[in-house]
Amino acid sequence: SSCGPGPGYYGAPMGEKVASGEAHVARGLFAKPEAAKRNFGANVRLSAGSVKNVLVGPANKFPVEPDTTVIKTNAEQTMWIVHSRSYAEGRHMTFEIQTESCFCSGVGLASIVRNEIQIGFGCYGSRNNTDMGINDIVVGIPTPILQDVVETLEKLKDVMARAKAKKGFYVQYPDRQPVTQRQ
């Protein structure tokens, strides 16, 4: 794996220089090893040896039902996905945003452990080793709630079409403005 700490969150051994924080200090990501160790220590992890395999692949070609689905979104898409969890009961969502191990621990594992949507802005490893763009956000949706999220987004599709962000589109492209009938 090109992610130093990532496999350790799934119960695999973590390299000594990564676990001590030295590797991240050497890259300039933390001021001192203790800060890196504190950061990594607060991340969601599974117990050693509890995972045999981690499969990653495109959702439309995945050979088994995944534990979680991670998608790359923009800010507005993230807002609607998160709102899907507030739609029925009006509750607020709380997120712990991880600056390191965003994909593996912050979005992949935390969504499963908490059985709730998790969001992340990427980390050094995920931004350095993927095609994640500067404005991309990642969202983890655990399988037990995925169907509810999709059904709620379907209920919200008309509201989403009228969102403020769409109005900006019509300012730039007035010829695409829908024609409304006045009564």
C-alpha atoms as a PDB file:
ATOM      1  CA  SER A   1       0.000   0.000   0.000  1.00  0.00           C
ATOM      2  CA  SER A   2       1.196   3.528  -0.714  1.00  0.00           C
ATOM      3  CA  CYS A   3      -0.488   4.664   2.497  1.00  0.00           C
ATOM      4  CA  GLY A   4       1.839   4.299   5.468  1.00  0.00           C
ATOM      5  CA  PRO A   5      -0.661   4.082   8.326  1.00  0.00           C
ATOM      6  CA  GLY A   6      -3.680   2.805   6.328  1.00  0.00           C
ATOM      7  CA  PRO A   7      -3.191  -0.963   6.650  1.00  0.00           C
ATOM      8  CA  GLY A   8      -2.673  -0.568  10.400  1.00  0.00           C
ATOM      9  CA  TYR A   9      -6.259   0.616  10.811  1.00  0.00           C
ATOM     10  CA  TYR A  10      -7.428  -2.687   9.341  1.00  0.00           C
ATOM     11  CA  GLY A  11      -5.374  -4.669  11.847  1.00  0.00           C
ATOM     12  CA  ALA A  12      -2.186  -5.142   9.827  1.00  0.00           C
ATOM     13  CA  PRO A  13       1.191  -4.221  11.295  1.00  0.00           C
ATOM     14  CA  MET A  14       2.206  -0.600  10.812  1.00  0.00           C
ATOM     15  CA  GLY A  15       5.831   0.167   9.945  1.00  0.00           C
ATOM     16  CA  GLU A  16       7.968   1.337  12.877  1.00  0.00           C
ATOM     17  CA  LYS A  17       8.762   4.771  11.406  1.00  0.00           C
ATOM     18  CA  VAL A  18       5.109   5.329  10.552  1.00  0.00           C
ATOM     19  CA  ALA A  19       3.835   4.162  13.955  1.00  0.00           C
ATOM     20  CA  SER A  20       6.397   6.332  15.762  1.00  0.00           C
ATOM     21  CA  GLY A  21       5.394   9.389  13.713  1.00  0.00           C
ATOM     22  CA  GLU A  22       8.916   9.794  12.305  1.00  0.00           C
ATOM     23  CA  ALA A  23       7.879   9.185   8.688  1.00  0.00           C
ATOM     24  CA  HIS A  24       5.266  11.943   8.740  1.00  0.00           C
ATOM     25  CA  VAL A  25       7.606  14.399  10.469  1.00  0.00           C
ATOM     26  CA  ALA A  26      10.229  13.661   7.793  1.00  0.00           C
ATOM     27  CA  ARG A  27       7.645  14.558   5.114  1.00  0.00           C
ATOM     28  CA  GLY A  28       6.845  17.805   6.916  1.00  0.00           C
ATOM     29  CA  LEU A  29       3.262  16.785   7.761  1.00  0.00           C
ATOM     30  CA  PHE A  30       3.667  17.097  11.539  1.00  0.00           C
ATOM     31  CA  ALA A  31       5.912  19.231  13.743  1.00  0.00           C
ATOM     32  CA  LYS A  32       6.964  16.356  15.981  1.00  0.00           C
ATOM     33  CA  PRO A  33       6.481  12.582  16.190  1.00  0.00           C
ATOM     34  CA  GLU A  34       4.209  12.889  19.227  1.00  0.00           C
ATOM     35  CA  ALA A  35       1.728  14.960  17.200  1.00  0.00           C
ATOM     36  CA  ALA A  36       1.590  12.328  14.451  1.00  0.00           C
ATOM     37  CA  LYS A  37       1.194   9.511  16.989  1.00  0.00           C
ATOM     38  CA  ARG A  38      -1.625  11.433  18.728  1.00  0.00           C
ATOM     39  CA  ASN A  39      -3.351  11.993  15.395  1.00  0.00           C
ATOM     40  CA  PHE A  40      -3.071   8.347  14.351  1.00  0.00           C
ATOM     41  CA  GLY A  41      -4.085   7.127  17.811  1.00  0.00           C
ATOM     42  CA  ALA A  42      -7.413   8.967  17.618  1.00  0.00           C
ATOM     43  CA  ASN A  43      -8.390   7.305  14.337  1.00  0.00           C
ATOM     44  CA  VAL A  44     -10.874   4.444  14.046  1.00  0.00           C
ATOM     45  CA  ARG A  45      -9.135   1.073  13.814  1.00  0.00           C
ATOM     46  CA  LEU A  46      -9.942  -2.612  13.916  1.00  0.00           C
ATOM     47  CA  SER A  47      -8.171  -5.083  16.163  1.00  0.00           C
ATOM     48  CA  ALA A  48      -4.997  -6.781  14.954  1.00  0.00           C
ATOM     49  CA  GLY A  49      -5.658  -9.764  12.718  1.00  0.00           C
ATOM     50  CA  SER A  50      -9.428  -9.175  12.524  1.00  0.00           C
ATOM     51  CA  VAL A  51      -9.433  -8.530   8.761  1.00  0.00           C
ATOM     52  CA  LYS A  52      -8.225 -11.033   6.186  1.00  0.00           C
ATOM     53  CA  ASN A  53      -8.829  -8.983   3.033  1.00  0.00           C
ATOM     54  CA  VAL A  54      -9.732  -5.454   2.057  1.00  0.00           C
ATOM     55  CA  LEU A  55     -11.313  -5.242  -1.388  1.00  0.00           C
ATOM     56  CA  VAL A  56     -11.489  -1.979  -3.266  1.00  0.00           C
ATOM     57  CA  GLY A  57     -13.158  -1.521  -6.618  1.00  0.00           C
ATOM     58  CA  PRO A  58     -15.801   0.263  -8.664  1.00  0.00           C
ATOM     59  CA  ALA A  59     -19.279  -0.103  -7.196  1.00  0.00           C
ATOM     60  CA  ASN A  60     -20.820  -1.292 -10.460  1.00  0.00           C
ATOM     61  CA  LYS A  61     -18.290  -4.134 -10.766  1.00  0.00           C
ATOM     62  CA  PHE A  62     -17.865  -5.160  -7.152  1.00  0.00           C
ATOM     63  CA  PRO A  63     -18.013  -8.972  -6.778  1.00  0.00           C
ATOM     64  CA  VAL A  64     -19.557  -8.997  -3.260  1.00  0.00           C
ATOM     65  CA  GLU A  65     -21.755  -6.719  -1.194  1.00  0.00           C
ATOM     66  CA  PRO A  66     -19.408  -4.125   0.290  1.00  0.00           C
ATOM     67  CA  ASP A  67     -19.443  -3.052   3.923  1.00  0.00           C
ATOM     68  CA  THR A  68     -19.379   0.558   2.790  1.00  0.00           C
ATOM     69  CA  THR A  69     -19.500   2.569  -0.403  1.00  0.00           C
ATOM     70  CA  VAL A  70     -17.110   5.496  -0.734  1.00  0.00           C
ATOM     71  CA  ILE A  71     -17.914   8.085  -3.370  1.00  0.00           C
ATOM     72  CA  LYS A  72     -16.129  11.182  -4.566  1.00  0.00           C
ATOM     73  CA  THR A  73     -18.406  14.227  -4.492  1.00  0.00           C
ATOM     74  CA  ASN A  74     -18.412  18.003  -4.540  1.00  0.00           C
ATOM     75  CA  ALA A  75     -19.664  20.192  -1.683  1.00  0.00           C
ATOM     76  CA  GLU A  76     -23.257  20.437  -2.912  1.00  0.00           C
ATOM     77  CA  GLN A  77     -23.572  16.708  -3.529  1.00  0.00           C
ATOM     78  CA  THR A  78     -22.160  16.059  -0.062  1.00  0.00           C
ATOM     79  CA  MET A  79     -24.694  18.458   1.448  1.00  0.00           C
ATOM     80  CA  TRP A  80     -27.611  16.570  -0.117  1.00  0.00           C
ATOM     81  CA  ILE A  81     -26.274  13.160   0.911  1.00  0.00           C
ATOM     82  CA  VAL A  82     -25.812  14.376   4.484  1.00  0.00           C
ATOM     83  CA  HIS A  83     -29.266  16.019   4.411  1.00  0.00           C
ATOM     84  CA  SER A  84     -30.782  12.677   3.443  1.00  0.00           C
ATOM     85  CA  ARG A  85     -30.007  11.564   7.015  1.00  0.00           C
ATOM     86  CA  SER A  86     -31.767  14.657   8.454  1.00  0.00           C
ATOM     87  CA  TYR A  87     -34.804  14.515   6.181  1.00  0.00           C
ATOM     88  CA  ALA A  88     -37.079  12.301   8.284  1.00  0.00           C
ATOM     89  CA  GLU A  89     -36.204  13.439  11.815  1.00  0.00           C
ATOM     90  CA  GLY A  90     -34.358  16.755  11.464  1.00  0.00           C
ATOM     91  CA  ARG A  91     -31.283  15.664  13.337  1.00  0.00           C
ATOM     92  CA  HIS A  92     -27.869  17.193  12.863  1.00  0.00           C
ATOM     93  CA  MET A  93     -24.885  15.190  11.732  1.00  0.00           C
ATOM     94  CA  THR A  94     -21.560  15.219  13.555  1.00  0.00           C
ATOM     95  CA  PHE A  95     -18.309  14.335  11.830  1.00  0.00           C
ATOM     96  CA  GLU A  96     -14.741  13.855  12.960  1.00  0.00           C
ATOM     97  CA  ILE A  97     -12.690  15.027  10.031  1.00  0.00           C
ATOM     98  CA  GLN A  98      -9.381  13.234   9.781  1.00  0.00           C
ATOM     99  CA  THR A  99      -6.415  14.991   8.187  1.00  0.00           C
ATOM    100  CA  GLU A 100      -4.458  11.748   7.875  1.00  0.00           C
ATOM    101  CA  SER A 101      -5.866   8.342   6.947  1.00  0.00           C
ATOM    102  CA  CYS A 102      -8.977   9.962   5.548  1.00  0.00           C
ATOM    103  CA  PHE A 103     -10.006   7.214   3.122  1.00  0.00           C
ATOM    104  CA  CYS A 104      -9.048   4.178   5.174  1.00  0.00           C
ATOM    105  CA  SER A 105      -9.946   5.092   8.735  1.00  0.00           C
ATOM    106  CA  GLY A 106     -11.963   8.306   8.457  1.00  0.00           C
ATOM    107  CA  VAL A 107     -14.397   7.345   5.724  1.00  0.00           C
ATOM    108  CA  GLY A 108     -14.002   3.627   5.060  1.00  0.00           C
ATOM    109  CA  LEU A 109     -13.864   2.266   8.604  1.00  0.00           C
ATOM    110  CA  ALA A 110     -15.636   4.976  10.590  1.00  0.00           C
ATOM    111  CA  SER A 111     -18.759   4.682   8.438  1.00  0.00           C
ATOM    112  CA  ILE A 112     -18.925   0.953   9.155  1.00  0.00           C
ATOM    113  CA  VAL A 113     -18.135   1.206  12.875  1.00  0.00           C
ATOM    114  CA  ARG A 114     -20.631   4.063  13.425  1.00  0.00           C
ATOM    115  CA  ASN A 115     -23.179   2.813  10.846  1.00  0.00           C
ATOM    116  CA  GLU A 116     -23.486   6.368   9.604  1.00  0.00           C
ATOM    117  CA  ILE A 117     -22.369   8.589   6.755  1.00  0.00           C
ATOM    118  CA  GLN A 118     -18.848   9.920   7.178  1.00  0.00           C
ATOM    119  CA  ILE A 119     -17.160  12.638   5.146  1.00  0.00           C
ATOM    120  CA  GLY A 120     -13.562  13.513   4.487  1.00  0.00           C
ATOM    121  CA  PHE A 121     -11.508  16.012   2.567  1.00  0.00           C
ATOM    122  CA  GLY A 122      -8.728  13.605   1.748  1.00  0.00           C
ATOM    123  CA  CYS A 123      -5.284  13.379   3.279  1.00  0.00           C
ATOM    124  CA  TYR A 124      -1.727  13.548   2.024  1.00  0.00           C
ATOM    125  CA  GLY A 125      -1.783   9.912   0.946  1.00  0.00           C
ATOM    126  CA  SER A 126      -5.199   9.922  -0.724  1.00  0.00           C
ATOM    127  CA  ARG A 127      -4.602  13.207  -2.527  1.00  0.00           C
ATOM    128  CA  ASN A 128      -1.094  12.181  -3.575  1.00  0.00           C
ATOM    129  CA  ASN A 129      -2.028   8.689  -4.817  1.00  0.00           C
ATOM    130  CA  THR A 130      -5.462   9.100  -6.421  1.00  0.00           C
ATOM    131  CA  ASP A 131      -7.145  11.323  -8.987  1.00  0.00           C
ATOM    132  CA  MET A 132      -8.898  13.249  -6.198  1.00  0.00           C
ATOM    133  CA  GLY A 133      -9.337  16.870  -7.350  1.00  0.00           C
ATOM    134  CA  ILE A 134      -8.747  19.977  -5.271  1.00  0.00           C
ATOM    135  CA  ASN A 135     -12.483  20.456  -4.624  1.00  0.00           C
ATOM    136  CA  ASP A 136     -13.417  16.810  -4.104  1.00  0.00           C
ATOM    137  CA  ILE A 137     -14.894  15.451  -0.900  1.00  0.00           C
ATOM    138  CA  VAL A 138     -15.237  11.761  -0.117  1.00  0.00           C
ATOM    139  CA  VAL A 139     -18.347  10.310   1.488  1.00  0.00           C
ATOM    140  CA  GLY A 140     -18.605   6.877   3.069  1.00  0.00           C
ATOM    141  CA  ILE A 141     -22.068   5.305   3.243  1.00  0.00           C
ATOM    142  CA  PRO A 142     -22.330   1.996   5.112  1.00  0.00           C
ATOM    143  CA  THR A 143     -24.363  -0.660   3.316  1.00  0.00           C
ATOM    144  CA  PRO A 144     -27.073  -0.993   6.022  1.00  0.00           C
ATOM    145  CA  ILE A 145     -28.229   2.604   5.383  1.00  0.00           C
ATOM    146  CA  LEU A 146     -27.398   2.918   1.668  1.00  0.00           C
ATOM    147  CA  GLN A 147     -30.899   2.071   0.439  1.00  0.00           C
ATOM    148  CA  ASP A 148     -32.453   4.637   2.807  1.00  0.00           C
ATOM    149  CA  VAL A 149     -30.030   7.316   1.582  1.00  0.00           C
ATOM    150  CA  VAL A 150     -30.858   6.545  -2.060  1.00  0.00           C
ATOM    151  CA  GLU A 151     -34.638   6.499  -1.427  1.00  0.00           C
ATOM    152  CA  THR A 152     -34.462   9.810   0.434  1.00  0.00           C
ATOM    153  CA  LEU A 153     -32.406  11.415  -2.328  1.00  0.00           C
ATOM    154  CA  GLU A 154     -35.106  10.298  -4.764  1.00  0.00           C
ATOM    155  CA  LYS A 155     -37.688  12.116  -2.598  1.00  0.00           C
ATOM    156  CA  LEU A 156     -35.477  15.225  -2.635  1.00  0.00           C
ATOM    157  CA  LYS A 157     -34.782  15.294  -6.376  1.00  0.00           C
ATOM    158  CA  ASP A 158     -37.267  18.113  -7.124  1.00  0.00           C
ATOM    159  CA  VAL A 159     -35.912  20.226  -4.259  1.00  0.00           C
ATOM    160  CA  MET A 160     -32.355  19.573  -5.432  1.00  0.00           C
ATOM    161  CA  ALA A 161     -33.273  20.751  -8.934  1.00  0.00           C
ATOM    162  CA  ARG A 162     -34.401  24.096  -7.509  1.00  0.00           C
ATOM    163  CA  ALA A 163     -31.289  24.594  -5.350  1.00  0.00           C
ATOM    164  CA  LYS A 164     -29.440  27.888  -5.294  1.00  0.00           C
ATOM    165  CA  ALA A 165     -26.423  26.401  -7.042  1.00  0.00           C
ATOM    166  CA  LYS A 166     -28.638  25.710 -10.033  1.00  0.00           C
ATOM    167  CA  LYS A 167     -29.648  29.384 -10.186  1.00  0.00           C
ATOM    168  CA  GLY A 168     -26.006  30.325 -10.711  1.00  0.00           C
ATOM    169  CA  PHE A 169     -25.916  27.928 -13.640  1.00  0.00           C
ATOM    170  CA  TYR A 170     -28.837  29.760 -15.244  1.00  0.00           C
ATOM    171  CA  VAL A 171     -27.097  33.120 -14.774  1.00  0.00           C
ATOM    172  CA  GLN A 172     -24.188  31.750 -16.830  1.00  0.00           C
ATOM    173  CA  TYR A 173     -26.449  29.944 -19.323  1.00  0.00           C
ATOM    174  CA  PRO A 174     -29.734  31.912 -19.605  1.00  0.00           C
ATOM    175  CA  ASP A 175     -30.686  29.993 -22.744  1.00  0.00           C
ATOM    176  CA  ARG A 176     -31.028  26.843 -20.606  1.00  0.00           C
ATOM    177  CA  GLN A 177     -33.416  28.465 -18.114  1.00  0.00           C
ATOM    178  CA  PRO A 178     -36.619  26.397 -17.858  1.00  0.00           C
ATOM    179  CA  VAL A 179     -39.661  28.208 -19.166  1.00  0.00           C
ATOM    180  CA  THR A 180     -42.307  28.649 -16.481  1.00  0.00           C
ATOM    181  CA  GLN A 181     -45.916  29.482 -17.228  1.00  0.00           C
ATOM    182  CA  ARG A 182     -47.441  32.464 -15.449  1.00  0.00           C
ATOM    183  CA  GLN A 183     -51.024  32.079 -14.382  1.00  0.00           C
END
